[in-house]
């Protein structure tokens, strides 16, 4: 026995754009700098959204000072390390 197949009418599928505005929120929105003392350049244990990473923050502060004094081009900086070590947070602190 053969089954009868019904033909569906032509359907038009359209994308409906949302009327609500969305904003991307970064995972590191709490980072507001490198947490360095403005006079000495030394990091505090907790500062500007960072906890720990004092040596890395101090090294990034040296790079920022070199860029500001125009002794280093500020076009690109490569941060390397294992996942979860704070590379993105440091980059946001530098920016």
C-alpha atoms as a PDB file:
ATOM      1  CA  UNK A   1       0.000   0.000   0.000  1.00  0.00           C
ATOM      2  CA  UNK A   2       1.186   3.445  -0.896  1.00  0.00           C
ATOM      3  CA  UNK A   3       0.819   6.376   1.455  1.00  0.00           C
ATOM      4  CA  UNK A   4      -0.473   9.595   0.051  1.00  0.00           C
ATOM      5  CA  UNK A   5       2.033  12.446   0.475  1.00  0.00           C
ATOM      6  CA  UNK A   6       0.585  15.869   1.033  1.00  0.00           C
ATOM      7  CA  UNK A   7       2.256  18.818  -0.618  1.00  0.00           C
ATOM      8  CA  UNK A   8       2.802  21.744   1.712  1.00  0.00           C
ATOM      9  CA  UNK A   9       2.294  25.259   0.437  1.00  0.00           C
ATOM     10  CA  UNK A  10       5.451  27.305  -0.171  1.00  0.00           C
ATOM     11  CA  UNK A  11       6.548  28.913   3.051  1.00  0.00           C
ATOM     12  CA  UNK A  12       8.708  31.952   3.483  1.00  0.00           C
ATOM     13  CA  UNK A  13      11.176  31.918   6.354  1.00  0.00           C
ATOM     14  CA  UNK A  14      12.467  35.253   7.581  1.00  0.00           C
ATOM     15  CA  UNK A  15      14.810  36.226  10.366  1.00  0.00           C
ATOM     16  CA  UNK A  16      13.207  38.402  13.005  1.00  0.00           C
ATOM     17  CA  UNK A  17      15.605  40.920  14.471  1.00  0.00           C
ATOM     18  CA  UNK A  18      15.348  41.468  18.185  1.00  0.00           C
ATOM     19  CA  UNK A  19      14.182  44.866  19.359  1.00  0.00           C
ATOM     20  CA  UNK A  20      16.185  44.706  22.575  1.00  0.00           C
ATOM     21  CA  UNK A  21      19.748  45.958  22.663  1.00  0.00           C
ATOM     22  CA  UNK A  22      22.417  43.588  23.855  1.00  0.00           C
ATOM     23  CA  UNK A  23      25.798  44.472  25.242  1.00  0.00           C
ATOM     24  CA  UNK A  24      28.808  42.213  25.377  1.00  0.00           C
ATOM     25  CA  UNK A  25      30.155  41.868  28.865  1.00  0.00           C
ATOM     26  CA  UNK A  26      33.708  40.705  29.207  1.00  0.00           C
ATOM     27  CA  UNK A  27      34.754  38.120  31.739  1.00  0.00           C
ATOM     28  CA  UNK A  28      37.269  40.629  33.103  1.00  0.00           C
ATOM     29  CA  UNK A  29      35.132  43.767  33.510  1.00  0.00           C
ATOM     30  CA  UNK A  30      36.492  44.170  37.028  1.00  0.00           C
ATOM     31  CA  UNK A  31      40.023  44.939  35.741  1.00  0.00           C
ATOM     32  CA  UNK A  32      40.637  48.698  35.764  1.00  0.00           C
ATOM     33  CA  UNK A  33      44.414  48.918  35.401  1.00  0.00           C
ATOM     34  CA  UNK A  34      47.447  47.004  36.624  1.00  0.00           C
ATOM     35  CA  UNK A  35      47.128  47.913  40.316  1.00  0.00           C
ATOM     36  CA  UNK A  36      50.542  49.564  40.522  1.00  0.00           C
ATOM     37  CA  UNK A  37      51.528  52.385  42.845  1.00  0.00           C
ATOM     38  CA  UNK A  38      51.714  55.514  40.626  1.00  0.00           C
ATOM     39  CA  UNK A  39      54.914  56.798  42.309  1.00  0.00           C
ATOM     40  CA  UNK A  40      56.986  53.654  42.706  1.00  0.00           C
ATOM     41  CA  UNK A  41      55.426  51.281  40.166  1.00  0.00           C
ATOM     42  CA  UNK A  42      55.288  48.475  42.703  1.00  0.00           C
ATOM     43  CA  UNK A  43      52.181  46.288  42.759  1.00  0.00           C
ATOM     44  CA  UNK A  44      49.988  45.729  45.793  1.00  0.00           C
ATOM     45  CA  UNK A  45      48.698  42.197  46.447  1.00  0.00           C
ATOM     46  CA  UNK A  46      45.124  43.301  45.637  1.00  0.00           C
ATOM     47  CA  UNK A  47      44.645  46.207  43.274  1.00  0.00           C
ATOM     48  CA  UNK A  48      42.548  47.328  40.294  1.00  0.00           C
ATOM     49  CA  UNK A  49      40.696  44.025  40.130  1.00  0.00           C
ATOM     50  CA  UNK A  50      43.812  41.845  40.346  1.00  0.00           C
ATOM     51  CA  UNK A  51      44.721  39.491  43.148  1.00  0.00           C
ATOM     52  CA  UNK A  52      48.294  38.224  43.089  1.00  0.00           C
ATOM     53  CA  UNK A  53      50.403  38.124  39.900  1.00  0.00           C
ATOM     54  CA  UNK A  54      52.679  40.830  41.336  1.00  0.00           C
ATOM     55  CA  UNK A  55      55.719  39.998  39.165  1.00  0.00           C
ATOM     56  CA  UNK A  56      53.646  39.842  35.971  1.00  0.00           C
ATOM     57  CA  UNK A  57      51.872  43.133  36.752  1.00  0.00           C
ATOM     58  CA  UNK A  58      55.171  44.848  37.535  1.00  0.00           C
ATOM     59  CA  UNK A  59      56.646  43.591  34.232  1.00  0.00           C
ATOM     60  CA  UNK A  60      53.589  44.867  32.354  1.00  0.00           C
ATOM     61  CA  UNK A  61      54.010  48.203  34.120  1.00  0.00           C
ATOM     62  CA  UNK A  62      57.575  48.438  32.804  1.00  0.00           C
ATOM     63  CA  UNK A  63      56.273  47.778  29.273  1.00  0.00           C
ATOM     64  CA  UNK A  64      53.587  50.457  29.679  1.00  0.00           C
ATOM     65  CA  UNK A  65      56.229  52.949  30.877  1.00  0.00           C
ATOM     66  CA  UNK A  66      58.432  52.143  27.866  1.00  0.00           C
ATOM     67  CA  UNK A  67      55.500  52.672  25.502  1.00  0.00           C
ATOM     68  CA  UNK A  68      54.536  55.957  27.169  1.00  0.00           C
ATOM     69  CA  UNK A  69      58.117  57.258  26.956  1.00  0.00           C
ATOM     70  CA  UNK A  70      58.207  56.206  23.271  1.00  0.00           C
ATOM     71  CA  UNK A  71      61.154  53.875  23.800  1.00  0.00           C
ATOM     72  CA  UNK A  72      59.098  50.907  22.619  1.00  0.00           C
ATOM     73  CA  UNK A  73      56.525  50.726  19.850  1.00  0.00           C
ATOM     74  CA  UNK A  74      53.094  50.088  21.290  1.00  0.00           C
ATOM     75  CA  UNK A  75      51.709  48.215  18.296  1.00  0.00           C
ATOM     76  CA  UNK A  76      51.832  44.640  19.567  1.00  0.00           C
ATOM     77  CA  UNK A  77      52.735  42.694  22.662  1.00  0.00           C
ATOM     78  CA  UNK A  78      52.814  38.907  22.926  1.00  0.00           C
ATOM     79  CA  UNK A  79      51.727  37.423  26.247  1.00  0.00           C
ATOM     80  CA  UNK A  80      52.424  33.694  26.455  1.00  0.00           C
ATOM     81  CA  UNK A  81      51.500  31.204  29.124  1.00  0.00           C
ATOM     82  CA  UNK A  82      49.304  28.307  30.099  1.00  0.00           C
ATOM     83  CA  UNK A  83      45.511  28.617  30.062  1.00  0.00           C
ATOM     84  CA  UNK A  84      44.042  30.386  33.063  1.00  0.00           C
ATOM     85  CA  UNK A  85      47.182  32.294  34.051  1.00  0.00           C
ATOM     86  CA  UNK A  86      45.722  35.778  33.517  1.00  0.00           C
ATOM     87  CA  UNK A  87      47.013  36.775  30.082  1.00  0.00           C
ATOM     88  CA  UNK A  88      43.710  38.326  29.001  1.00  0.00           C
ATOM     89  CA  UNK A  89      43.301  40.162  32.306  1.00  0.00           C
ATOM     90  CA  UNK A  90      46.830  41.588  31.996  1.00  0.00           C
ATOM     91  CA  UNK A  91      46.127  42.681  28.423  1.00  0.00           C
ATOM     92  CA  UNK A  92      42.991  44.497  29.568  1.00  0.00           C
ATOM     93  CA  UNK A  93      44.966  46.112  32.378  1.00  0.00           C
ATOM     94  CA  UNK A  94      47.576  47.334  29.887  1.00  0.00           C
ATOM     95  CA  UNK A  95      44.911  48.654  27.520  1.00  0.00           C
END
